[in-house]
Amino acid sequence: MWYVGLDVHLRSTAACILDENGKIVKRGQFAGHLGRVLAWLEGLPEPLAVCYEASCGYGHLHDQLRKVAPRVVVAHPGQLRLIFRSKRKNDRIDAMKLATLLFLDQVPEVYVPSVDVRSWRRLIEFRHRLVADRTRVKNRLRALLREYGLEGPRGGRLWTRKGRAWLAELTWPTSQAAVMRDVLVDDLERCQEKIGRVEQVLNRIAKASPGVALLRTIPGVGPRTAEAMVAYLDDPKRFRNSKRIGSYFGLVPCQDQSADRNRLGHITREGPATVRKLVTEASWRGVRQSPRIQKYFERIAGGDRDRKKIALIATAHYLLRVMFAMLRDGRPWSEDDLERGAA
């Protein structure tokens, strides 16, 4: 078998091939479309193992390379930077390094889900950005009211149908302010429409997913949290145990350990931030709705108000492990066997 390292960019690709002894047998530099690289690889006489760095479109590239290579490995870019820190860096060298790591079986590998799961994840992230856009529009409207000393309905009442009608009929001190109000209200309506359209598709996917229905039995977990967890976890069997889940979603503390010194810092924040945010929000709702989750939270907080944030993150980590156990075993939520389910 030959080992191929590809340094892929939008307009060019560098390739390096090692033989079964780790010696360089071929190099290549390709401009333009990926089809040239695929045709070149397809014409090689030996079976191939291919490695490249994850970037935008890595899933599509994986699907294309699988047509010409029995084994395709996608490398984690963040961990590669920790392995190779060099003052001399170019595309040819990077391709050689990827091929060498593949030959040594030392590639920090990225899991590549199916195209359907990748599209599901992308739609979840798309909705998350639309919600952020809507929040920015709402904040601008609030700021506009404050700027002219106008007081509207408090909290979320301003965004109800009645509140938006009040906003549309409000008399402003200047015509310029009224124009800004009209544009922002129009932006808000369009954001609402876009979010509703996306959520229709997400709801249809969630309705057909047994995993989403299973996770929604947890107090405080809604459809958006459940679908994000199922989409990003994908196959629970790819994790050896529940302890890996916290690392995957970035809810474990940074660690600096040497000899008898062991320092723990803030959480790593690795992995999908959307899932981390949604599960943390669900944990806060779960503390209010579930006696078991509340008990876990209060045990970590220890009655100290300053430890509430630490306790919430610990509870979110705990809830992730429980979700993993539920999806792995196909069991619904139970207040009685929560401790056993997270083992």
C-alpha atoms as a PDB file:
ATOM      1  CA  MET A   1       0.000   0.000   0.000  1.00  0.00           C
ATOM      2  CA  TRP A   2       1.116   3.552  -0.740  1.00  0.00           C
ATOM      3  CA  TYR A   3       0.496   6.427   1.678  1.00  0.00           C
ATOM      4  CA  VAL A   4      -0.697   9.724   0.214  1.00  0.00           C
ATOM      5  CA  GLY A   5      -0.621  13.116   1.918  1.00  0.00           C
ATOM      6  CA  LEU A   6      -2.704  15.867   0.324  1.00  0.00           C
ATOM      7  CA  ASP A   7      -2.431  19.548   1.214  1.00  0.00           C
ATOM      8  CA  VAL A   8      -5.709  20.778  -0.269  1.00  0.00           C
ATOM      9  CA  HIS A   9      -6.532  24.416  -1.003  1.00  0.00           C
ATOM     10  CA  LEU A  10      -9.287  26.074  -2.986  1.00  0.00           C
ATOM     11  CA  ARG A  11      -7.180  26.589  -6.122  1.00  0.00           C
ATOM     12  CA  SER A  12      -4.306  24.140  -5.687  1.00  0.00           C
ATOM     13  CA  THR A  13      -3.371  20.801  -4.154  1.00  0.00           C
ATOM     14  CA  ALA A  14       0.045  19.418  -3.227  1.00  0.00           C
ATOM     15  CA  ALA A  15       0.542  15.645  -2.983  1.00  0.00           C
ATOM     16  CA  CYS A  16       3.246  13.407  -1.578  1.00  0.00           C
ATOM     17  CA  ILE A  17       3.298   9.599  -1.785  1.00  0.00           C
ATOM     18  CA  LEU A  18       5.316   7.229   0.412  1.00  0.00           C
ATOM     19  CA  ASP A  19       5.797   3.540  -0.298  1.00  0.00           C
ATOM     20  CA  GLU A  20       5.425   0.688   2.194  1.00  0.00           C
ATOM     21  CA  ASN A  21       8.903   1.513   3.563  1.00  0.00           C
ATOM     22  CA  GLY A  22       8.173   5.202   4.122  1.00  0.00           C
ATOM     23  CA  LYS A  23      10.246   6.411   1.134  1.00  0.00           C
ATOM     24  CA  ILE A  24       8.989   9.150  -1.150  1.00  0.00           C
ATOM     25  CA  VAL A  25       8.037   7.683  -4.527  1.00  0.00           C
ATOM     26  CA  LYS A  26       6.019  10.522  -6.079  1.00  0.00           C
ATOM     27  CA  ARG A  27       5.177  14.163  -5.637  1.00  0.00           C
ATOM     28  CA  GLY A  28       2.554  16.230  -7.386  1.00  0.00           C
ATOM     29  CA  GLN A  29       1.338  19.812  -7.616  1.00  0.00           C
ATOM     30  CA  PHE A  30      -2.100  20.402  -9.137  1.00  0.00           C
ATOM     31  CA  ALA A  31      -3.902  23.618  -9.989  1.00  0.00           C
ATOM     32  CA  GLY A  32      -7.603  24.000 -10.467  1.00  0.00           C
ATOM     33  CA  HIS A  33     -10.343  21.417 -10.001  1.00  0.00           C
ATOM     34  CA  LEU A  34     -10.020  18.397  -7.703  1.00  0.00           C
ATOM     35  CA  GLY A  35     -10.783  16.129 -10.666  1.00  0.00           C
ATOM     36  CA  ARG A  36      -7.145  16.312 -11.758  1.00  0.00           C
ATOM     37  CA  VAL A  37      -5.993  14.979  -8.403  1.00  0.00           C
ATOM     38  CA  LEU A  38      -8.556  12.162  -8.461  1.00  0.00           C
ATOM     39  CA  ALA A  39      -7.559  11.155 -12.011  1.00  0.00           C
ATOM     40  CA  TRP A  40      -3.885  11.116 -10.983  1.00  0.00           C
ATOM     41  CA  LEU A  41      -4.563   8.980  -7.920  1.00  0.00           C
ATOM     42  CA  GLU A  42      -6.772   6.603  -9.879  1.00  0.00           C
ATOM     43  CA  GLY A  43      -3.927   5.923 -12.301  1.00  0.00           C
ATOM     44  CA  LEU A  44      -1.467   4.832  -9.593  1.00  0.00           C
ATOM     45  CA  PRO A  45      -0.511   1.130  -9.588  1.00  0.00           C
ATOM     46  CA  GLU A  46      -0.776   0.458  -5.821  1.00  0.00           C
ATOM     47  CA  PRO A  47      -3.774   0.537  -3.421  1.00  0.00           C
ATOM     48  CA  LEU A  48      -3.819   3.841  -1.549  1.00  0.00           C
ATOM     49  CA  ALA A  49      -4.335   5.249   1.916  1.00  0.00           C
ATOM     50  CA  VAL A  50      -5.007   8.996   1.709  1.00  0.00           C
ATOM     51  CA  CYS A  51      -4.749  11.652   4.408  1.00  0.00           C
ATOM     52  CA  TYR A  52      -5.729  15.321   4.273  1.00  0.00           C
ATOM     53  CA  GLU A  53      -6.530  18.074   6.749  1.00  0.00           C
ATOM     54  CA  ALA A  54     -10.135  18.845   7.681  1.00  0.00           C
ATOM     55  CA  SER A  55     -11.425  22.160   6.336  1.00  0.00           C
ATOM     56  CA  CYS A  56     -14.555  23.524   4.667  1.00  0.00           C
ATOM     57  CA  GLY A  57     -16.024  20.827   2.432  1.00  0.00           C
ATOM     58  CA  TYR A  58     -14.006  18.007   4.001  1.00  0.00           C
ATOM     59  CA  GLY A  59     -16.998  15.644   3.866  1.00  0.00           C
ATOM     60  CA  HIS A  60     -17.525  16.005   0.110  1.00  0.00           C
ATOM     61  CA  LEU A  61     -13.796  15.529  -0.472  1.00  0.00           C
ATOM     62  CA  HIS A  62     -13.880  12.380   1.662  1.00  0.00           C
ATOM     63  CA  ASP A  63     -16.720  10.950  -0.432  1.00  0.00           C
ATOM     64  CA  GLN A  64     -14.831  11.678  -3.667  1.00  0.00           C
ATOM     65  CA  LEU A  65     -11.533  10.188  -2.454  1.00  0.00           C
ATOM     66  CA  ARG A  66     -13.281   7.013  -1.296  1.00  0.00           C
ATOM     67  CA  LYS A  67     -13.950   6.278  -4.961  1.00  0.00           C
ATOM     68  CA  VAL A  68     -10.206   5.898  -5.680  1.00  0.00           C
ATOM     69  CA  ALA A  69      -8.715   4.880  -2.299  1.00  0.00           C
ATOM     70  CA  PRO A  70      -9.672   2.020   0.051  1.00  0.00           C
ATOM     71  CA  ARG A  71      -8.719   4.098   3.091  1.00  0.00           C
ATOM     72  CA  VAL A  72      -9.250   7.844   3.584  1.00  0.00           C
ATOM     73  CA  VAL A  73      -8.245   9.561   6.839  1.00  0.00           C
ATOM     74  CA  VAL A  74      -9.197  13.140   7.725  1.00  0.00           C
ATOM     75  CA  ALA A  75      -6.767  14.836  10.116  1.00  0.00           C
ATOM     76  CA  HIS A  76      -7.796  17.174  12.940  1.00  0.00           C
ATOM     77  CA  PRO A  77      -6.239  20.584  12.045  1.00  0.00           C
ATOM     78  CA  GLY A  78      -5.961  21.845  15.621  1.00  0.00           C
ATOM     79  CA  GLN A  79      -4.039  18.800  16.800  1.00  0.00           C
ATOM     80  CA  LEU A  80      -1.822  18.815  13.720  1.00  0.00           C
ATOM     81  CA  ARG A  81      -0.607  22.277  14.635  1.00  0.00           C
ATOM     82  CA  LEU A  82       0.486  20.924  18.006  1.00  0.00           C
ATOM     83  CA  ILE A  83       2.422  18.095  16.330  1.00  0.00           C
ATOM     84  CA  PHE A  84       4.133  20.117  13.611  1.00  0.00           C
ATOM     85  CA  ARG A  85       5.378  23.532  14.666  1.00  0.00           C
ATOM     86  CA  SER A  86       7.933  24.576  12.118  1.00  0.00           C
ATOM     87  CA  LYS A  87       9.429  27.837  10.912  1.00  0.00           C
ATOM     88  CA  ARG A  88       9.726  26.357   7.433  1.00  0.00           C
ATOM     89  CA  LYS A  89       6.309  25.620   6.036  1.00  0.00           C
ATOM     90  CA  ASN A  90       4.965  25.201   2.520  1.00  0.00           C
ATOM     91  CA  ASP A  91       2.452  23.013   0.701  1.00  0.00           C
ATOM     92  CA  ARG A  92       4.988  20.364  -0.354  1.00  0.00           C
ATOM     93  CA  ILE A  93       6.297  19.996   3.194  1.00  0.00           C
ATOM     94  CA  ASP A  94       2.777  19.838   4.631  1.00  0.00           C
ATOM     95  CA  ALA A  95       1.799  17.092   2.175  1.00  0.00           C
ATOM     96  CA  MET A  96       4.904  15.114   3.134  1.00  0.00           C
ATOM     97  CA  LYS A  97       4.145  15.504   6.850  1.00  0.00           C
ATOM     98  CA  LEU A  98       0.583  14.238   6.354  1.00  0.00           C
ATOM     99  CA  ALA A  99       1.858  11.231   4.389  1.00  0.00           C
ATOM    100  CA  THR A 100       4.434  10.515   7.118  1.00  0.00           C
ATOM    101  CA  LEU A 101       1.834  10.658   9.882  1.00  0.00           C
ATOM    102  CA  LEU A 102      -0.385   8.314   7.888  1.00  0.00           C
ATOM    103  CA  PHE A 103       2.504   5.882   7.355  1.00  0.00           C
ATOM    104  CA  LEU A 104       3.263   5.930  11.107  1.00  0.00           C
ATOM    105  CA  ASP A 105      -0.463   5.570  11.936  1.00  0.00           C
ATOM    106  CA  GLN A 106      -0.274   8.713  14.070  1.00  0.00           C
ATOM    107  CA  VAL A 107      -2.944  10.868  12.414  1.00  0.00           C
ATOM    108  CA  PRO A 108      -5.288  12.648  14.883  1.00  0.00           C
ATOM    109  CA  GLU A 109      -8.369  11.470  13.024  1.00  0.00           C
ATOM    110  CA  VAL A 110     -11.682  13.288  12.494  1.00  0.00           C
ATOM    111  CA  TYR A 111     -14.922  11.301  12.309  1.00  0.00           C
ATOM    112  CA  VAL A 112     -16.715  11.750   8.975  1.00  0.00           C
ATOM    113  CA  PRO A 113     -20.483  11.099   9.139  1.00  0.00           C
ATOM    114  CA  SER A 114     -22.727  10.347   6.172  1.00  0.00           C
ATOM    115  CA  VAL A 115     -23.829  13.112   3.832  1.00  0.00           C
ATOM    116  CA  ASP A 116     -27.332  13.095   5.387  1.00  0.00           C
ATOM    117  CA  VAL A 117     -25.955  13.644   8.890  1.00  0.00           C
ATOM    118  CA  ARG A 118     -23.573  16.330   7.629  1.00  0.00           C
ATOM    119  CA  SER A 119     -26.505  18.156   6.013  1.00  0.00           C
ATOM    120  CA  TRP A 120     -28.510  17.817   9.246  1.00  0.00           C
ATOM    121  CA  ARG A 121     -25.658  19.324  11.247  1.00  0.00           C
ATOM    122  CA  ARG A 122     -25.274  22.139   8.749  1.00  0.00           C
ATOM    123  CA  LEU A 123     -28.976  22.996   8.968  1.00  0.00           C
ATOM    124  CA  ILE A 124     -28.801  23.027  12.784  1.00  0.00           C
ATOM    125  CA  GLU A 125     -25.886  25.478  12.642  1.00  0.00           C
ATOM    126  CA  PHE A 126     -27.709  27.532   9.991  1.00  0.00           C
ATOM    127  CA  ARG A 127     -30.708  27.926  12.291  1.00  0.00           C
ATOM    128  CA  HIS A 128     -28.391  28.873  15.159  1.00  0.00           C
ATOM    129  CA  ARG A 129     -26.937  31.718  13.058  1.00  0.00           C
ATOM    130  CA  LEU A 130     -30.412  32.871  12.033  1.00  0.00           C
ATOM    131  CA  VAL A 131     -31.420  33.038  15.708  1.00  0.00           C
ATOM    132  CA  ALA A 132     -28.279  35.089  16.415  1.00  0.00           C
ATOM    133  CA  ASP A 133     -29.244  37.451  13.569  1.00  0.00           C
ATOM    134  CA  ARG A 134     -32.723  37.823  15.068  1.00  0.00           C
ATOM    135  CA  THR A 135     -31.247  38.591  18.485  1.00  0.00           C
ATOM    136  CA  ARG A 136     -29.050  41.317  16.974  1.00  0.00           C
ATOM    137  CA  VAL A 137     -32.084  42.918  15.311  1.00  0.00           C
ATOM    138  CA  LYS A 138     -34.000  42.843  18.608  1.00  0.00           C
ATOM    139  CA  ASN A 139     -31.079  44.453  20.420  1.00  0.00           C
ATOM    140  CA  ARG A 140     -30.918  47.219  17.816  1.00  0.00           C
ATOM    141  CA  LEU A 141     -34.614  47.917  18.229  1.00  0.00           C
ATOM    142  CA  ARG A 142     -34.242  48.084  22.007  1.00  0.00           C
ATOM    143  CA  ALA A 143     -31.269  50.438  21.603  1.00  0.00           C
ATOM    144  CA  LEU A 144     -33.280  52.643  19.239  1.00  0.00           C
ATOM    145  CA  LEU A 145     -36.075  52.943  21.789  1.00  0.00           C
ATOM    146  CA  ARG A 146     -33.618  53.837  24.549  1.00  0.00           C
ATOM    147  CA  GLU A 147     -31.891  56.418  22.366  1.00  0.00           C
ATOM    148  CA  TYR A 148     -35.122  58.403  22.038  1.00  0.00           C
ATOM    149  CA  GLY A 149     -36.292  57.811  25.602  1.00  0.00           C
ATOM    150  CA  LEU A 150     -39.177  55.561  24.572  1.00  0.00           C
ATOM    151  CA  GLU A 151     -40.259  52.708  26.828  1.00  0.00           C
ATOM    152  CA  GLY A 152     -41.863  49.642  25.291  1.00  0.00           C
ATOM    153  CA  PRO A 153     -43.288  46.436  26.742  1.00  0.00           C
ATOM    154  CA  ARG A 154     -40.775  44.680  28.960  1.00  0.00           C
ATOM    155  CA  GLY A 155     -39.151  41.301  28.345  1.00  0.00           C
ATOM    156  CA  GLY A 156     -40.400  39.216  25.493  1.00  0.00           C
ATOM    157  CA  ARG A 157     -43.753  41.017  25.252  1.00  0.00           C
ATOM    158  CA  LEU A 158     -42.301  43.452  22.730  1.00  0.00           C
ATOM    159  CA  TRP A 159     -41.808  40.600  20.251  1.00  0.00           C
ATOM    160  CA  THR A 160     -45.354  39.247  20.465  1.00  0.00           C
ATOM    161  CA  ARG A 161     -47.890  40.163  17.778  1.00  0.00           C
ATOM    162  CA  LYS A 162     -49.358  42.831  20.057  1.00  0.00           C
ATOM    163  CA  GLY A 163     -45.906  44.217  20.893  1.00  0.00           C
ATOM    164  CA  ARG A 164     -44.844  44.401  17.247  1.00  0.00           C
ATOM    165  CA  ALA A 165     -48.121  46.181  16.405  1.00  0.00           C
ATOM    166  CA  TRP A 166     -47.365  48.750  19.139  1.00  0.00           C
ATOM    167  CA  LEU A 167     -43.874  49.209  17.716  1.00  0.00           C
ATOM    168  CA  ALA A 168     -45.211  49.703  14.165  1.00  0.00           C
ATOM    169  CA  GLU A 169     -47.721  52.364  15.276  1.00  0.00           C
ATOM    170  CA  LEU A 170     -45.337  54.233  17.592  1.00  0.00           C
ATOM    171  CA  THR A 171     -44.809  57.925  16.843  1.00  0.00           C
ATOM    172  CA  TRP A 172     -41.104  58.802  16.655  1.00  0.00           C
ATOM    173  CA  PRO A 173     -39.496  62.209  17.315  1.00  0.00           C
ATOM    174  CA  THR A 174     -37.824  62.266  13.873  1.00  0.00           C
ATOM    175  CA  SER A 175     -38.530  60.758  10.471  1.00  0.00           C
ATOM    176  CA  GLN A 176     -35.026  59.251  10.412  1.00  0.00           C
ATOM    177  CA  ALA A 177     -35.783  57.216  13.532  1.00  0.00           C
ATOM    178  CA  ALA A 178     -39.047  56.015  11.986  1.00  0.00           C
ATOM    179  CA  VAL A 179     -37.165  54.816   8.903  1.00  0.00           C
ATOM    180  CA  MET A 180     -34.711  52.856  11.061  1.00  0.00           C
ATOM    181  CA  ARG A 181     -37.649  51.372  12.982  1.00  0.00           C
ATOM    182  CA  ASP A 182     -39.334  50.290   9.740  1.00  0.00           C
ATOM    183  CA  VAL A 183     -36.172  48.647   8.381  1.00  0.00           C
ATOM    184  CA  LEU A 184     -35.462  46.823  11.659  1.00  0.00           C
ATOM    185  CA  VAL A 185     -39.044  45.594  12.015  1.00  0.00           C
ATOM    186  CA  ASP A 186     -38.879  44.334   8.429  1.00  0.00           C
ATOM    187  CA  ASP A 187     -35.594  42.548   9.228  1.00  0.00           C
ATOM    188  CA  LEU A 188     -37.199  40.980  12.296  1.00  0.00           C
ATOM    189  CA  GLU A 189     -40.163  39.687  10.293  1.00  0.00           C
ATOM    190  CA  ARG A 190     -37.873  38.186   7.674  1.00  0.00           C
ATOM    191  CA  CYS A 191     -35.706  36.529  10.344  1.00  0.00           C
ATOM    192  CA  GLN A 192     -38.823  35.044  11.917  1.00  0.00           C
ATOM    193  CA  GLU A 193     -39.960  33.719   8.549  1.00  0.00           C
ATOM    194  CA  LYS A 194     -36.564  32.179   7.775  1.00  0.00           C
ATOM    195  CA  ILE A 195     -36.312  30.533  11.194  1.00  0.00           C
ATOM    196  CA  GLY A 196     -39.818  29.126  10.837  1.00  0.00           C
ATOM    197  CA  ARG A 197     -38.986  27.660   7.430  1.00  0.00           C
ATOM    198  CA  VAL A 198     -35.811  26.012   8.712  1.00  0.00           C
ATOM    199  CA  GLU A 199     -37.556  24.673  11.828  1.00  0.00           C
ATOM    200  CA  GLN A 200     -40.232  23.033   9.677  1.00  0.00           C
ATOM    201  CA  VAL A 201     -37.538  20.924   8.019  1.00  0.00           C
ATOM    202  CA  LEU A 202     -35.775  20.243  11.337  1.00  0.00           C
ATOM    203  CA  ASN A 203     -39.044  19.170  12.951  1.00  0.00           C
ATOM    204  CA  ARG A 204     -39.685  16.777  10.090  1.00  0.00           C
ATOM    205  CA  ILE A 205     -36.225  15.205  10.521  1.00  0.00           C
ATOM    206  CA  ALA A 206     -36.602  15.066  14.322  1.00  0.00           C
ATOM    207  CA  LYS A 207     -39.991  13.387  14.066  1.00  0.00           C
ATOM    208  CA  ALA A 208     -38.406  10.547  12.089  1.00  0.00           C
ATOM    209  CA  SER A 209     -35.508  10.133  14.573  1.00  0.00           C
ATOM    210  CA  PRO A 210     -36.021   7.692  17.478  1.00  0.00           C
ATOM    211  CA  GLY A 211     -33.007   9.210  19.246  1.00  0.00           C
ATOM    212  CA  VAL A 212     -34.576  12.668  19.359  1.00  0.00           C
ATOM    213  CA  ALA A 213     -37.793  11.260  20.825  1.00  0.00           C
ATOM    214  CA  LEU A 214     -35.745   9.362  23.413  1.00  0.00           C
ATOM    215  CA  LEU A 215     -33.800  12.428  24.584  1.00  0.00           C
ATOM    216  CA  ARG A 216     -36.935  14.542  24.805  1.00  0.00           C
ATOM    217  CA  THR A 217     -38.062  12.386  27.722  1.00  0.00           C
ATOM    218  CA  ILE A 218     -35.421  14.240  29.800  1.00  0.00           C
ATOM    219  CA  PRO A 219     -36.930  17.154  31.766  1.00  0.00           C
ATOM    220  CA  GLY A 220     -35.767  20.439  30.239  1.00  0.00           C
ATOM    221  CA  VAL A 221     -34.575  18.960  26.938  1.00  0.00           C
ATOM    222  CA  GLY A 222     -36.458  20.330  23.941  1.00  0.00           C
ATOM    223  CA  PRO A 223     -36.374  19.378  20.258  1.00  0.00           C
ATOM    224  CA  ARG A 224     -33.471  21.680  19.344  1.00  0.00           C
ATOM    225  CA  THR A 225     -31.185  20.297  22.083  1.00  0.00           C
ATOM    226  CA  ALA A 226     -32.154  16.689  21.357  1.00  0.00           C
ATOM    227  CA  GLU A 227     -31.629  16.953  17.592  1.00  0.00           C
ATOM    228  CA  ALA A 228     -28.240  18.661  18.010  1.00  0.00           C
ATOM    229  CA  MET A 229     -27.047  15.942  20.379  1.00  0.00           C
ATOM    230  CA  VAL A 230     -28.237  13.113  18.111  1.00  0.00           C
ATOM    231  CA  ALA A 231     -26.783  14.712  14.969  1.00  0.00           C
ATOM    232  CA  TYR A 232     -23.339  15.351  16.441  1.00  0.00           C
ATOM    233  CA  LEU A 233     -23.109  12.112  18.387  1.00  0.00           C
ATOM    234  CA  ASP A 234     -24.348  10.176  15.324  1.00  0.00           C
ATOM    235  CA  ASP A 235     -23.103   6.698  16.281  1.00  0.00           C
ATOM    236  CA  PRO A 236     -22.683   6.160  20.062  1.00  0.00           C
ATOM    237  CA  LYS A 237     -20.609   3.036  19.402  1.00  0.00           C
ATOM    238  CA  ARG A 238     -17.705   5.139  18.143  1.00  0.00           C
ATOM    239  CA  PHE A 239     -17.070   6.195  21.757  1.00  0.00           C
ATOM    240  CA  ARG A 240     -15.525   3.643  24.087  1.00  0.00           C
ATOM    241  CA  ASN A 241     -17.383   4.950  27.143  1.00  0.00           C
ATOM    242  CA  SER A 242     -19.285   7.955  28.451  1.00  0.00           C
ATOM    243  CA  LYS A 243     -16.122   9.628  29.762  1.00  0.00           C
ATOM    244  CA  ARG A 244     -15.110  10.462  26.171  1.00  0.00           C
ATOM    245  CA  ILE A 245     -18.275  12.484  25.619  1.00  0.00           C
ATOM    246  CA  GLY A 246     -17.220  15.397  27.811  1.00  0.00           C
ATOM    247  CA  SER A 247     -13.922  15.699  25.945  1.00  0.00           C
ATOM    248  CA  TYR A 248     -15.631  15.529  22.560  1.00  0.00           C
ATOM    249  CA  PHE A 249     -17.985  18.384  23.414  1.00  0.00           C
ATOM    250  CA  GLY A 250     -15.365  20.454  25.268  1.00  0.00           C
ATOM    251  CA  LEU A 251     -16.902  20.320  28.750  1.00  0.00           C
ATOM    252  CA  VAL A 252     -13.846  18.948  30.568  1.00  0.00           C
ATOM    253  CA  PRO A 253     -11.296  21.270  32.237  1.00  0.00           C
ATOM    254  CA  CYS A 254      -7.906  22.050  30.739  1.00  0.00           C
ATOM    255  CA  GLN A 255      -5.211  20.153  32.611  1.00  0.00           C
ATOM    256  CA  ASP A 256      -1.556  20.884  33.318  1.00  0.00           C
ATOM    257  CA  GLN A 257      -0.104  17.949  35.248  1.00  0.00           C
ATOM    258  CA  SER A 258       3.517  17.284  36.100  1.00  0.00           C
ATOM    259  CA  ALA A 259       4.771  15.051  38.935  1.00  0.00           C
ATOM    260  CA  ASP A 260       2.741  15.957  42.040  1.00  0.00           C
ATOM    261  CA  ARG A 261       1.370  19.178  40.504  1.00  0.00           C
ATOM    262  CA  ASN A 262      -2.029  18.986  38.826  1.00  0.00           C
ATOM    263  CA  ARG A 263      -3.694  22.228  37.719  1.00  0.00           C
ATOM    264  CA  LEU A 264      -7.201  22.276  36.278  1.00  0.00           C
ATOM    265  CA  GLY A 265      -8.380  25.332  34.401  1.00  0.00           C
ATOM    266  CA  HIS A 266     -11.385  26.415  32.356  1.00  0.00           C
ATOM    267  CA  ILE A 267     -13.199  23.963  30.105  1.00  0.00           C
ATOM    268  CA  THR A 268     -11.462  23.206  26.793  1.00  0.00           C
ATOM    269  CA  ARG A 269     -14.390  24.416  24.619  1.00  0.00           C
ATOM    270  CA  GLU A 270     -13.438  21.948  21.915  1.00  0.00           C
ATOM    271  CA  GLY A 271     -16.006  20.388  19.616  1.00  0.00           C
ATOM    272  CA  PRO A 272     -19.363  21.817  18.491  1.00  0.00           C
ATOM    273  CA  ALA A 273     -20.137  24.993  20.432  1.00  0.00           C
ATOM    274  CA  THR A 274     -23.833  24.843  19.512  1.00  0.00           C
ATOM    275  CA  VAL A 275     -24.326  21.540  21.344  1.00  0.00           C
ATOM    276  CA  ARG A 276     -22.408  22.825  24.357  1.00  0.00           C
ATOM    277  CA  LYS A 277     -24.600  25.926  24.538  1.00  0.00           C
ATOM    278  CA  LEU A 278     -27.875  24.046  24.093  1.00  0.00           C
ATOM    279  CA  VAL A 279     -27.035  21.342  26.644  1.00  0.00           C
ATOM    280  CA  THR A 280     -25.981  23.971  29.189  1.00  0.00           C
ATOM    281  CA  GLU A 281     -29.327  25.768  28.729  1.00  0.00           C
ATOM    282  CA  ALA A 282     -31.171  22.449  28.999  1.00  0.00           C
ATOM    283  CA  SER A 283     -29.277  21.676  32.217  1.00  0.00           C
ATOM    284  CA  TRP A 284     -30.471  24.918  33.778  1.00  0.00           C
ATOM    285  CA  ARG A 285     -34.069  24.057  32.873  1.00  0.00           C
ATOM    286  CA  GLY A 286     -33.533  20.512  34.140  1.00  0.00           C
ATOM    287  CA  VAL A 287     -32.380  21.826  37.528  1.00  0.00           C
ATOM    288  CA  ARG A 288     -35.809  23.454  37.892  1.00  0.00           C
ATOM    289  CA  GLN A 289     -37.844  20.518  36.556  1.00  0.00           C
ATOM    290  CA  SER A 290     -36.082  17.343  37.714  1.00  0.00           C
ATOM    291  CA  PRO A 291     -35.410  16.462  41.373  1.00  0.00           C
ATOM    292  CA  ARG A 292     -32.480  14.258  40.359  1.00  0.00           C
ATOM    293  CA  ILE A 293     -30.788  16.905  38.230  1.00  0.00           C
ATOM    294  CA  GLN A 294     -31.438  19.471  40.936  1.00  0.00           C
ATOM    295  CA  LYS A 295     -29.867  17.184  43.522  1.00  0.00           C
ATOM    296  CA  TYR A 296     -26.760  16.734  41.378  1.00  0.00           C
ATOM    297  CA  PHE A 297     -26.467  20.494  40.808  1.00  0.00           C
ATOM    298  CA  GLU A 298     -26.847  21.328  44.506  1.00  0.00           C
ATOM    299  CA  ARG A 299     -24.287  18.712  45.506  1.00  0.00           C
ATOM    300  CA  ILE A 300     -21.670  20.375  43.270  1.00  0.00           C
ATOM    301  CA  ALA A 301     -22.670  23.910  44.272  1.00  0.00           C
ATOM    302  CA  GLY A 302     -22.492  23.038  47.966  1.00  0.00           C
ATOM    303  CA  GLY A 303     -24.700  25.987  48.887  1.00  0.00           C
ATOM    304  CA  ASP A 304     -22.065  28.449  47.643  1.00  0.00           C
ATOM    305  CA  ARG A 305     -23.449  31.092  45.245  1.00  0.00           C
ATOM    306  CA  ASP A 306     -19.988  31.557  43.737  1.00  0.00           C
ATOM    307  CA  ARG A 307     -19.986  27.914  42.637  1.00  0.00           C
ATOM    308  CA  LYS A 308     -23.218  28.082  40.653  1.00  0.00           C
ATOM    309  CA  LYS A 309     -21.470  28.446  37.299  1.00  0.00           C
ATOM    310  CA  ILE A 310     -19.119  25.551  38.093  1.00  0.00           C
ATOM    311  CA  ALA A 311     -22.092  23.447  39.177  1.00  0.00           C
ATOM    312  CA  LEU A 312     -23.992  24.265  35.981  1.00  0.00           C
ATOM    313  CA  ILE A 313     -21.091  23.213  33.746  1.00  0.00           C
ATOM    314  CA  ALA A 314     -20.649  20.025  35.784  1.00  0.00           C
ATOM    315  CA  THR A 315     -24.370  19.312  35.434  1.00  0.00           C
ATOM    316  CA  ALA A 316     -24.189  19.860  31.665  1.00  0.00           C
ATOM    317  CA  HIS A 317     -21.279  17.412  31.508  1.00  0.00           C
ATOM    318  CA  TYR A 318     -23.284  14.948  33.565  1.00  0.00           C
ATOM    319  CA  LEU A 319     -26.344  15.367  31.350  1.00  0.00           C
ATOM    320  CA  LEU A 320     -24.222  14.692  28.258  1.00  0.00           C
ATOM    321  CA  ARG A 321     -23.109  11.375  29.743  1.00  0.00           C
ATOM    322  CA  VAL A 322     -26.702  10.477  30.554  1.00  0.00           C
ATOM    323  CA  MET A 323     -27.781  11.318  26.989  1.00  0.00           C
ATOM    324  CA  PHE A 324     -25.008   9.137  25.623  1.00  0.00           C
ATOM    325  CA  ALA A 325     -26.074   6.217  27.836  1.00  0.00           C
ATOM    326  CA  MET A 326     -29.706   6.623  26.785  1.00  0.00           C
ATOM    327  CA  LEU A 327     -28.842   6.603  23.074  1.00  0.00           C
ATOM    328  CA  ARG A 328     -26.395   3.736  23.477  1.00  0.00           C
ATOM    329  CA  ASP A 329     -28.843   1.538  25.405  1.00  0.00           C
ATOM    330  CA  GLY A 330     -32.090   2.772  23.846  1.00  0.00           C
ATOM    331  CA  ARG A 331     -33.599   3.573  27.261  1.00  0.00           C
ATOM    332  CA  PRO A 332     -35.863   6.548  28.070  1.00  0.00           C
ATOM    333  CA  TRP A 333     -35.259   8.910  30.960  1.00  0.00           C
ATOM    334  CA  SER A 334     -35.939   7.640  34.460  1.00  0.00           C
ATOM    335  CA  GLU A 335     -35.517   9.627  37.654  1.00  0.00           C
ATOM    336  CA  ASP A 336     -34.741   6.429  39.560  1.00  0.00           C
ATOM    337  CA  ASP A 337     -31.827   5.036  37.521  1.00  0.00           C
ATOM    338  CA  LEU A 338     -30.123   8.285  36.518  1.00  0.00           C
ATOM    339  CA  GLU A 339     -26.939   7.465  38.390  1.00  0.00           C
ATOM    340  CA  ARG A 340     -26.679   4.028  36.810  1.00  0.00           C
ATOM    341  CA  GLY A 341     -27.482   5.365  33.313  1.00  0.00           C
ATOM    342  CA  ALA A 342     -24.526   7.736  33.331  1.00  0.00           C
ATOM    343  CA  ALA A 343     -22.017   5.083  34.300  1.00  0.00           C
END
